[in-house]
Amino acid sequence: MTTASSQSSTIPPEQIYERLRALVSERLVLTPEQIAALRPELPLVQGLELDSLATVTLIAGIEDEFQIELDLEDRQRITTIADLIALIQERSVAH
């Protein structure tokens, strides 16, 4: 019998990416082109052309969605969507 504790608790990167895409679509006002351009290598803030309010909205949404906390140091080290995915994956294991 397989139990949940015997399986890895890490969220797969593809699942994180899809959840981030959904979150961005729901919480931010972006053009279809901006949403279509979402790729792991995309610079997060500059690539999505986020202003400070949109950035705060996105961070709050990520914290809610993934039940993690992103402090200032975390936000400074996140450059791309791939960086964000890696951080979420790291924190989901530590949870």
PDB file of N, CA and C in Angstrom:
ATOM      1  N   MET A   1       0.840  -1.182   0.000  1.00  0.00           N
ATOM      2  CA  MET A   1       0.000   0.000   0.000  1.00  0.00           C
ATOM      3  C   MET A   1       0.885   1.245   0.000  1.00  0.00           C
ATOM      4  N   THR A   2       0.600   2.154  -0.870  1.00  0.00           N
ATOM      5  CA  THR A   2       1.374   3.377  -0.978  1.00  0.00           C
ATOM      6  C   THR A   2       0.708   4.472  -0.154  1.00  0.00           C
ATOM      7  N   THR A   3       1.498   5.158   0.637  1.00  0.00           N
ATOM      8  CA  THR A   3       0.966   6.267   1.419  1.00  0.00           C
ATOM      9  C   THR A   3       1.515   7.569   0.880  1.00  0.00           C
ATOM     10  N   ALA A   4       0.835   8.638   1.214  1.00  0.00           N
ATOM     11  CA  ALA A   4       1.274   9.955   0.738  1.00  0.00           C
ATOM     12  C   ALA A   4       2.646  10.311   1.288  1.00  0.00           C
ATOM     13  N   SER A   5       2.963   9.835   2.497  1.00  0.00           N
ATOM     14  CA  SER A   5       4.248  10.189   3.088  1.00  0.00           C
ATOM     15  C   SER A   5       5.416   9.502   2.392  1.00  0.00           C
ATOM     16  N   SER A   6       5.150   8.416   1.651  1.00  0.00           N
ATOM     17  CA  SER A   6       6.236   7.748   0.956  1.00  0.00           C
ATOM     18  C   SER A   6       6.545   8.396  -0.387  1.00  0.00           C
ATOM     19  N   GLN A   7       5.694   9.296  -0.814  1.00  0.00           N
ATOM     20  CA  GLN A   7       5.910   9.997  -2.074  1.00  0.00           C
ATOM     21  C   GLN A   7       6.566  11.345  -1.791  1.00  0.00           C
ATOM     22  N   SER A   8       7.291  11.853  -2.764  1.00  0.00           N
ATOM     23  CA  SER A   8       7.937  13.149  -2.620  1.00  0.00           C
ATOM     24  C   SER A   8       6.879  14.235  -2.463  1.00  0.00           C
ATOM     25  N   SER A   9       7.125  15.165  -1.553  1.00  0.00           N
ATOM     26  CA  SER A   9       6.167  16.250  -1.344  1.00  0.00           C
ATOM     27  C   SER A   9       6.466  17.466  -2.205  1.00  0.00           C
ATOM     28  N   THR A  10       7.439  17.343  -3.086  1.00  0.00           N
ATOM     29  CA  THR A  10       7.811  18.443  -3.967  1.00  0.00           C
ATOM     30  C   THR A  10       6.761  18.611  -5.055  1.00  0.00           C
ATOM     31  N   ILE A  11       6.357  19.844  -5.294  1.00  0.00           N
ATOM     32  CA  ILE A  11       5.439  20.134  -6.389  1.00  0.00           C
ATOM     33  C   ILE A  11       6.240  20.111  -7.685  1.00  0.00           C
ATOM     34  N   PRO A  12       5.797  19.370  -8.698  1.00  0.00           N
ATOM     35  CA  PRO A  12       6.531  19.340  -9.964  1.00  0.00           C
ATOM     36  C   PRO A  12       6.595  20.740 -10.594  1.00  0.00           C
ATOM     37  N   PRO A  13       7.732  21.100 -11.214  1.00  0.00           N
ATOM     38  CA  PRO A  13       7.881  22.434 -11.807  1.00  0.00           C
ATOM     39  C   PRO A  13       6.792  22.759 -12.820  1.00  0.00           C
ATOM     40  N   GLU A  14       6.352  21.765 -13.592  1.00  0.00           N
ATOM     41  CA  GLU A  14       5.302  22.006 -14.596  1.00  0.00           C
ATOM     42  C   GLU A  14       3.990  22.421 -13.931  1.00  0.00           C
ATOM     43  N   GLN A  15       3.695  21.805 -12.783  1.00  0.00           N
ATOM     44  CA  GLN A  15       2.473  22.150 -12.060  1.00  0.00           C
ATOM     45  C   GLN A  15       2.575  23.560 -11.477  1.00  0.00           C
ATOM     46  N   ILE A  16       3.737  23.902 -10.939  1.00  0.00           N
ATOM     47  CA  ILE A  16       3.946  25.257 -10.417  1.00  0.00           C
ATOM     48  C   ILE A  16       3.763  26.276 -11.544  1.00  0.00           C
ATOM     49  N   TYR A  17       4.360  26.001 -12.690  1.00  0.00           N
ATOM     50  CA  TYR A  17       4.267  26.904 -13.842  1.00  0.00           C
ATOM     51  C   TYR A  17       2.807  27.114 -14.253  1.00  0.00           C
ATOM     52  N   GLU A  18       2.044  26.041 -14.338  1.00  0.00           N
ATOM     53  CA  GLU A  18       0.637  26.158 -14.732  1.00  0.00           C
ATOM     54  C   GLU A  18      -0.172  26.922 -13.689  1.00  0.00           C
ATOM     55  N   ARG A  19       0.114  26.689 -12.425  1.00  0.00           N
ATOM     56  CA  ARG A  19      -0.580  27.429 -11.363  1.00  0.00           C
ATOM     57  C   ARG A  19      -0.204  28.911 -11.404  1.00  0.00           C
ATOM     58  N   LEU A  20       1.067  29.212 -11.706  1.00  0.00           N
ATOM     59  CA  LEU A  20       1.489  30.613 -11.837  1.00  0.00           C
ATOM     60  C   LEU A  20       0.797  31.290 -13.016  1.00  0.00           C
ATOM     61  N   ARG A  21       0.703  30.586 -14.145  1.00  0.00           N
ATOM     62  CA  ARG A  21       0.005  31.148 -15.314  1.00  0.00           C
ATOM     63  C   ARG A  21      -1.445  31.485 -14.967  1.00  0.00           C
ATOM     64  N   ALA A  22      -2.113  30.570 -14.283  1.00  0.00           N
ATOM     65  CA  ALA A  22      -3.505  30.796 -13.887  1.00  0.00           C
ATOM     66  C   ALA A  22      -3.604  31.981 -12.923  1.00  0.00           C
ATOM     67  N   LEU A  23      -2.690  32.043 -11.980  1.00  0.00           N
ATOM     68  CA  LEU A  23      -2.670  33.127 -11.003  1.00  0.00           C
ATOM     69  C   LEU A  23      -2.477  34.474 -11.683  1.00  0.00           C
ATOM     70  N   VAL A  24      -1.518  34.540 -12.591  1.00  0.00           N
ATOM     71  CA  VAL A  24      -1.245  35.779 -13.322  1.00  0.00           C
ATOM     72  C   VAL A  24      -2.480  36.195 -14.123  1.00  0.00           C
ATOM     73  N   SER A  25      -3.124  35.241 -14.772  1.00  0.00           N
ATOM     74  CA  SER A  25      -4.309  35.536 -15.580  1.00  0.00           C
ATOM     75  C   SER A  25      -5.466  36.051 -14.726  1.00  0.00           C
ATOM     76  N   GLU A  26      -5.611  35.475 -13.523  1.00  0.00           N
ATOM     77  CA  GLU A  26      -6.722  35.850 -12.643  1.00  0.00           C
ATOM     78  C   GLU A  26      -6.496  37.168 -11.915  1.00  0.00           C
ATOM     79  N   ARG A  27      -5.276  37.399 -11.444  1.00  0.00           N
ATOM     80  CA  ARG A  27      -5.024  38.528 -10.542  1.00  0.00           C
ATOM     81  C   ARG A  27      -4.517  39.796 -11.207  1.00  0.00           C
ATOM     82  N   LEU A  28      -3.923  39.654 -12.400  1.00  0.00           N
ATOM     83  CA  LEU A  28      -3.330  40.820 -13.048  1.00  0.00           C
ATOM     84  C   LEU A  28      -4.067  41.156 -14.334  1.00  0.00           C
ATOM     85  N   VAL A  29      -4.038  42.423 -14.685  1.00  0.00           N
ATOM     86  CA  VAL A  29      -4.631  42.866 -15.938  1.00  0.00           C
ATOM     87  C   VAL A  29      -3.511  42.872 -16.976  1.00  0.00           C
ATOM     88  N   LEU A  30      -3.462  41.789 -17.747  1.00  0.00           N
ATOM     89  CA  LEU A  30      -2.435  41.649 -18.772  1.00  0.00           C
ATOM     90  C   LEU A  30      -3.082  41.425 -20.125  1.00  0.00           C
ATOM     91  N   THR A  31      -2.365  41.782 -21.161  1.00  0.00           N
ATOM     92  CA  THR A  31      -2.863  41.544 -22.515  1.00  0.00           C
ATOM     93  C   THR A  31      -2.697  40.058 -22.842  1.00  0.00           C
ATOM     94  N   PRO A  32      -3.448  39.569 -23.815  1.00  0.00           N
ATOM     95  CA  PRO A  32      -3.259  38.176 -24.236  1.00  0.00           C
ATOM     96  C   PRO A  32      -1.818  37.906 -24.689  1.00  0.00           C
ATOM     97  N   GLU A  33      -1.165  38.922 -25.268  1.00  0.00           N
ATOM     98  CA  GLU A  33       0.216  38.766 -25.701  1.00  0.00           C
ATOM     99  C   GLU A  33       1.152  38.571 -24.505  1.00  0.00           C
ATOM    100  N   GLN A  34       0.915  39.323 -23.425  1.00  0.00           N
ATOM    101  CA  GLN A  34       1.738  39.184 -22.229  1.00  0.00           C
ATOM    102  C   GLN A  34       1.557  37.794 -21.614  1.00  0.00           C
ATOM    103  N   ILE A  35       0.337  37.327 -21.563  1.00  0.00           N
ATOM    104  CA  ILE A  35       0.077  35.997 -21.009  1.00  0.00           C
ATOM    105  C   ILE A  35       0.704  34.924 -21.885  1.00  0.00           C
ATOM    106  N   ALA A  36       0.594  35.072 -23.193  1.00  0.00           N
ATOM    107  CA  ALA A  36       1.186  34.106 -24.117  1.00  0.00           C
ATOM    108  C   ALA A  36       2.712  34.098 -24.023  1.00  0.00           C
ATOM    109  N   ALA A  37       3.299  35.222 -23.627  1.00  0.00           N
ATOM    110  CA  ALA A  37       4.758  35.338 -23.554  1.00  0.00           C
ATOM    111  C   ALA A  37       5.343  34.726 -22.280  1.00  0.00           C
ATOM    112  N   LEU A  38       4.490  34.287 -21.356  1.00  0.00           N
ATOM    113  CA  LEU A  38       4.984  33.702 -20.109  1.00  0.00           C
ATOM    114  C   LEU A  38       5.815  32.454 -20.388  1.00  0.00           C
ATOM    115  N   ARG A  39       7.069  32.533 -20.076  1.00  0.00           N
ATOM    116  CA  ARG A  39       8.005  31.427 -20.246  1.00  0.00           C
ATOM    117  C   ARG A  39       8.924  31.417 -19.025  1.00  0.00           C
ATOM    118  N   PRO A  40       9.469  30.266 -18.665  1.00  0.00           N
ATOM    119  CA  PRO A  40      10.347  30.220 -17.483  1.00  0.00           C
ATOM    120  C   PRO A  40      11.522  31.194 -17.535  1.00  0.00           C
ATOM    121  N   GLU A  41      12.052  31.450 -18.731  1.00  0.00           N
ATOM    122  CA  GLU A  41      13.215  32.341 -18.835  1.00  0.00           C
ATOM    123  C   GLU A  41      12.838  33.824 -18.853  1.00  0.00           C
ATOM    124  N   LEU A  42      11.551  34.133 -18.846  1.00  0.00           N
ATOM    125  CA  LEU A  42      11.090  35.522 -18.898  1.00  0.00           C
ATOM    126  C   LEU A  42      11.438  36.259 -17.605  1.00  0.00           C
ATOM    127  N   PRO A  43      12.058  37.439 -17.703  1.00  0.00           N
ATOM    128  CA  PRO A  43      12.265  38.246 -16.493  1.00  0.00           C
ATOM    129  C   PRO A  43      10.900  38.583 -15.895  1.00  0.00           C
ATOM    130  N   LEU A  44      10.726  38.296 -14.642  1.00  0.00           N
ATOM    131  CA  LEU A  44       9.412  38.369 -14.019  1.00  0.00           C
ATOM    132  C   LEU A  44       8.786  39.762 -14.073  1.00  0.00           C
ATOM    133  N   VAL A  45       9.384  40.730 -13.423  1.00  0.00           N
ATOM    134  CA  VAL A  45       8.785  42.065 -13.340  1.00  0.00           C
ATOM    135  C   VAL A  45       8.899  42.820 -14.662  1.00  0.00           C
ATOM    136  N   GLN A  46      10.106  42.838 -15.240  1.00  0.00           N
ATOM    137  CA  GLN A  46      10.311  43.579 -16.484  1.00  0.00           C
ATOM    138  C   GLN A  46       9.601  42.899 -17.659  1.00  0.00           C
ATOM    139  N   GLY A  47       9.646  41.590 -17.691  1.00  0.00           N
ATOM    140  CA  GLY A  47       9.031  40.857 -18.799  1.00  0.00           C
ATOM    141  C   GLY A  47       7.522  41.003 -18.840  1.00  0.00           C
ATOM    142  N   LEU A  48       6.908  41.073 -17.669  1.00  0.00           N
ATOM    143  CA  LEU A  48       5.457  41.258 -17.596  1.00  0.00           C
ATOM    144  C   LEU A  48       5.073  42.725 -17.523  1.00  0.00           C
ATOM    145  N   GLU A  49       6.080  43.598 -17.464  1.00  0.00           N
ATOM    146  CA  GLU A  49       5.858  45.041 -17.373  1.00  0.00           C
ATOM    147  C   GLU A  49       4.962  45.387 -16.183  1.00  0.00           C
ATOM    148  N   LEU A  50       5.336  44.859 -15.001  1.00  0.00           N
ATOM    149  CA  LEU A  50       4.547  45.073 -13.795  1.00  0.00           C
ATOM    150  C   LEU A  50       4.957  46.360 -13.098  1.00  0.00           C
ATOM    151  N   ASP A  51       3.958  47.123 -12.681  1.00  0.00           N
ATOM    152  CA  ASP A  51       4.250  48.273 -11.837  1.00  0.00           C
ATOM    153  C   ASP A  51       4.303  47.781 -10.388  1.00  0.00           C
ATOM    154  N   SER A  52       4.552  48.689  -9.454  1.00  0.00           N
ATOM    155  CA  SER A  52       4.729  48.272  -8.061  1.00  0.00           C
ATOM    156  C   SER A  52       3.462  47.649  -7.475  1.00  0.00           C
ATOM    157  N   LEU A  53       2.294  48.171  -7.808  1.00  0.00           N
ATOM    158  CA  LEU A  53       1.044  47.608  -7.300  1.00  0.00           C
ATOM    159  C   LEU A  53       0.812  46.199  -7.855  1.00  0.00           C
ATOM    160  N   ALA A  54       1.058  46.019  -9.132  1.00  0.00           N
ATOM    161  CA  ALA A  54       0.892  44.697  -9.738  1.00  0.00           C
ATOM    162  C   ALA A  54       1.887  43.701  -9.143  1.00  0.00           C
ATOM    163  N   THR A  55       3.098  44.158  -8.845  1.00  0.00           N
ATOM    164  CA  THR A  55       4.102  43.290  -8.238  1.00  0.00           C
ATOM    165  C   THR A  55       3.645  42.824  -6.858  1.00  0.00           C
ATOM    166  N   VAL A  56       3.122  43.750  -6.058  1.00  0.00           N
ATOM    167  CA  VAL A  56       2.625  43.407  -4.722  1.00  0.00           C
ATOM    168  C   VAL A  56       1.431  42.452  -4.838  1.00  0.00           C
ATOM    169  N   THR A  57       0.551  42.707  -5.782  1.00  0.00           N
ATOM    170  CA  THR A  57      -0.602  41.837  -6.011  1.00  0.00           C
ATOM    171  C   THR A  57      -0.148  40.428  -6.381  1.00  0.00           C
ATOM    172  N   LEU A  58       0.842  40.338  -7.244  1.00  0.00           N
ATOM    173  CA  LEU A  58       1.365  39.041  -7.663  1.00  0.00           C
ATOM    174  C   LEU A  58       2.019  38.315  -6.490  1.00  0.00           C
ATOM    175  N   ILE A  59       2.819  39.001  -5.711  1.00  0.00           N
ATOM    176  CA  ILE A  59       3.489  38.379  -4.564  1.00  0.00           C
ATOM    177  C   ILE A  59       2.459  37.858  -3.564  1.00  0.00           C
ATOM    178  N   ALA A  60       1.444  38.674  -3.277  1.00  0.00           N
ATOM    179  CA  ALA A  60       0.389  38.237  -2.345  1.00  0.00           C
ATOM    180  C   ALA A  60      -0.328  37.003  -2.885  1.00  0.00           C
ATOM    181  N   GLY A  61      -0.593  36.992  -4.173  1.00  0.00           N
ATOM    182  CA  GLY A  61      -1.250  35.844  -4.788  1.00  0.00           C
ATOM    183  C   GLY A  61      -0.402  34.588  -4.713  1.00  0.00           C
ATOM    184  N   ILE A  62       0.898  34.737  -4.948  1.00  0.00           N
ATOM    185  CA  ILE A  62       1.817  33.596  -4.874  1.00  0.00           C
ATOM    186  C   ILE A  62       1.866  33.063  -3.443  1.00  0.00           C
ATOM    187  N   GLU A  63       1.950  33.972  -2.473  1.00  0.00           N
ATOM    188  CA  GLU A  63       1.987  33.538  -1.078  1.00  0.00           C
ATOM    189  C   GLU A  63       0.719  32.789  -0.698  1.00  0.00           C
ATOM    190  N   ASP A  64      -0.430  33.272  -1.154  1.00  0.00           N
ATOM    191  CA  ASP A  64      -1.705  32.597  -0.877  1.00  0.00           C
ATOM    192  C   ASP A  64      -1.795  31.249  -1.581  1.00  0.00           C
ATOM    193  N   GLU A  65      -1.475  31.240  -2.846  1.00  0.00           N
ATOM    194  CA  GLU A  65      -1.610  30.030  -3.674  1.00  0.00           C
ATOM    195  C   GLU A  65      -0.723  28.890  -3.193  1.00  0.00           C
ATOM    196  N   PHE A  66       0.513  29.221  -2.832  1.00  0.00           N
ATOM    197  CA  PHE A  66       1.481  28.176  -2.494  1.00  0.00           C
ATOM    198  C   PHE A  66       1.762  28.065  -0.998  1.00  0.00           C
ATOM    199  N   GLN A  67       1.059  28.882  -0.191  1.00  0.00           N
ATOM    200  CA  GLN A  67       1.220  28.845   1.269  1.00  0.00           C
ATOM    201  C   GLN A  67       2.689  29.012   1.679  1.00  0.00           C
ATOM    202  N   ILE A  68       3.332  30.020   1.091  1.00  0.00           N
ATOM    203  CA  ILE A  68       4.711  30.347   1.429  1.00  0.00           C
ATOM    204  C   ILE A  68       4.793  31.836   1.726  1.00  0.00           C
ATOM    205  N   GLU A  69       5.902  32.257   2.279  1.00  0.00           N
ATOM    206  CA  GLU A  69       6.130  33.677   2.534  1.00  0.00           C
ATOM    207  C   GLU A  69       7.379  34.110   1.775  1.00  0.00           C
ATOM    208  N   LEU A  70       7.251  35.191   1.031  1.00  0.00           N
ATOM    209  CA  LEU A  70       8.377  35.729   0.267  1.00  0.00           C
ATOM    210  C   LEU A  70       8.840  37.020   0.931  1.00  0.00           C
ATOM    211  N   ASP A  71      10.011  36.981   1.542  1.00  0.00           N
ATOM    212  CA  ASP A  71      10.522  38.192   2.165  1.00  0.00           C
ATOM    213  C   ASP A  71      11.303  39.020   1.138  1.00  0.00           C
ATOM    214  N   LEU A  72      11.814  40.142   1.566  1.00  0.00           N
ATOM    215  CA  LEU A  72      12.519  41.053   0.654  1.00  0.00           C
ATOM    216  C   LEU A  72      13.714  40.376  -0.005  1.00  0.00           C
ATOM    217  N   GLU A  73      14.469  39.593   0.757  1.00  0.00           N
ATOM    218  CA  GLU A  73      15.626  38.893   0.199  1.00  0.00           C
ATOM    219  C   GLU A  73      15.197  37.921  -0.911  1.00  0.00           C
ATOM    220  N   ASP A  74      14.088  37.211  -0.688  1.00  0.00           N
ATOM    221  CA  ASP A  74      13.566  36.299  -1.715  1.00  0.00           C
ATOM    222  C   ASP A  74      13.223  37.073  -2.985  1.00  0.00           C
ATOM    223  N   ARG A  75      12.513  38.166  -2.813  1.00  0.00           N
ATOM    224  CA  ARG A  75      12.077  38.959  -3.962  1.00  0.00           C
ATOM    225  C   ARG A  75      13.248  39.518  -4.741  1.00  0.00           C
ATOM    226  N   GLN A  76      14.329  39.835  -4.051  1.00  0.00           N
ATOM    227  CA  GLN A  76      15.508  40.370  -4.728  1.00  0.00           C
ATOM    228  C   GLN A  76      16.248  39.300  -5.517  1.00  0.00           C
ATOM    229  N   ARG A  77      16.170  38.054  -5.087  1.00  0.00           N
ATOM    230  CA  ARG A  77      16.889  36.999  -5.808  1.00  0.00           C
ATOM    231  C   ARG A  77      16.079  36.391  -6.951  1.00  0.00           C
ATOM    232  N   ILE A  78      14.791  36.704  -7.014  1.00  0.00           N
ATOM    233  CA  ILE A  78      13.953  36.197  -8.101  1.00  0.00           C
ATOM    234  C   ILE A  78      14.087  37.133  -9.292  1.00  0.00           C
ATOM    235  N   THR A  79      14.693  36.637 -10.354  1.00  0.00           N
ATOM    236  CA  THR A  79      14.851  37.421 -11.569  1.00  0.00           C
ATOM    237  C   THR A  79      13.894  36.947 -12.649  1.00  0.00           C
ATOM    238  N   THR A  80      13.803  35.648 -12.811  1.00  0.00           N
ATOM    239  CA  THR A  80      12.967  35.066 -13.868  1.00  0.00           C
ATOM    240  C   THR A  80      11.859  34.207 -13.274  1.00  0.00           C
ATOM    241  N   ILE A  81      10.947  33.813 -14.111  1.00  0.00           N
ATOM    242  CA  ILE A  81       9.888  32.901 -13.682  1.00  0.00           C
ATOM    243  C   ILE A  81      10.509  31.579 -13.225  1.00  0.00           C
ATOM    244  N   ALA A  82      11.574  31.139 -13.879  1.00  0.00           N
ATOM    245  CA  ALA A  82      12.261  29.903 -13.475  1.00  0.00           C
ATOM    246  C   ALA A  82      12.812  30.028 -12.049  1.00  0.00           C
ATOM    247  N   ASP A  83      13.350  31.200 -11.695  1.00  0.00           N
ATOM    248  CA  ASP A  83      13.831  31.432 -10.328  1.00  0.00           C
ATOM    249  C   ASP A  83      12.677  31.304  -9.334  1.00  0.00           C
ATOM    250  N   LEU A  84      11.541  31.863  -9.700  1.00  0.00           N
ATOM    251  CA  LEU A  84      10.363  31.804  -8.841  1.00  0.00           C
ATOM    252  C   LEU A  84       9.894  30.355  -8.678  1.00  0.00           C
ATOM    253  N   ILE A  85       9.861  29.612  -9.761  1.00  0.00           N
ATOM    254  CA  ILE A  85       9.461  28.207  -9.710  1.00  0.00           C
ATOM    255  C   ILE A  85      10.398  27.432  -8.780  1.00  0.00           C
ATOM    256  N   ALA A  86      11.703  27.652  -8.897  1.00  0.00           N
ATOM    257  CA  ALA A  86      12.680  26.963  -8.051  1.00  0.00           C
ATOM    258  C   ALA A  86      12.480  27.306  -6.579  1.00  0.00           C
ATOM    259  N   LEU A  87      12.206  28.575  -6.288  1.00  0.00           N
ATOM    260  CA  LEU A  87      11.987  28.996  -4.905  1.00  0.00           C
ATOM    261  C   LEU A  87      10.723  28.358  -4.344  1.00  0.00           C
ATOM    262  N   ILE A  88       9.649  28.356  -5.113  1.00  0.00           N
ATOM    263  CA  ILE A  88       8.400  27.738  -4.669  1.00  0.00           C
ATOM    264  C   ILE A  88       8.619  26.253  -4.417  1.00  0.00           C
ATOM    265  N   GLN A  89       9.345  25.608  -5.299  1.00  0.00           N
ATOM    266  CA  GLN A  89       9.623  24.184  -5.151  1.00  0.00           C
ATOM    267  C   GLN A  89      10.449  23.932  -3.871  1.00  0.00           C
ATOM    268  N   GLU A  90      11.440  24.762  -3.655  1.00  0.00           N
ATOM    269  CA  GLU A  90      12.276  24.651  -2.451  1.00  0.00           C
ATOM    270  C   GLU A  90      11.452  24.836  -1.186  1.00  0.00           C
ATOM    271  N   ARG A  91      10.580  25.840  -1.191  1.00  0.00           N
ATOM    272  CA  ARG A  91       9.769  26.115  -0.008  1.00  0.00           C
ATOM    273  C   ARG A  91       8.690  25.062   0.202  1.00  0.00           C
ATOM    274  N   SER A  92       8.196  24.476  -0.874  1.00  0.00           N
ATOM    275  CA  SER A  92       7.145  23.465  -0.720  1.00  0.00           C
ATOM    276  C   SER A  92       7.702  22.210  -0.061  1.00  0.00           C
ATOM    277  N   VAL A  93       9.008  21.943  -0.231  1.00  0.00           N
ATOM    278  CA  VAL A  93       9.650  20.800   0.418  1.00  0.00           C
ATOM    279  C   VAL A  93       9.860  21.110   1.891  1.00  0.00           C
ATOM    280  N   ALA A  94      10.253  22.339   2.174  1.00  0.00           N
ATOM    281  CA  ALA A  94      10.546  22.737   3.553  1.00  0.00           C
ATOM    282  C   ALA A  94       9.281  22.852   4.411  1.00  0.00           C
ATOM    283  N   HIS A  95       8.119  22.917   3.770  1.00  0.00           N
ATOM    284  CA  HIS A  95       6.859  23.090   4.493  1.00  0.00           C
ATOM    285  C   HIS A  95       6.577  21.961   5.404  1.00  0.00           C
TER     286      HIS A  95
END
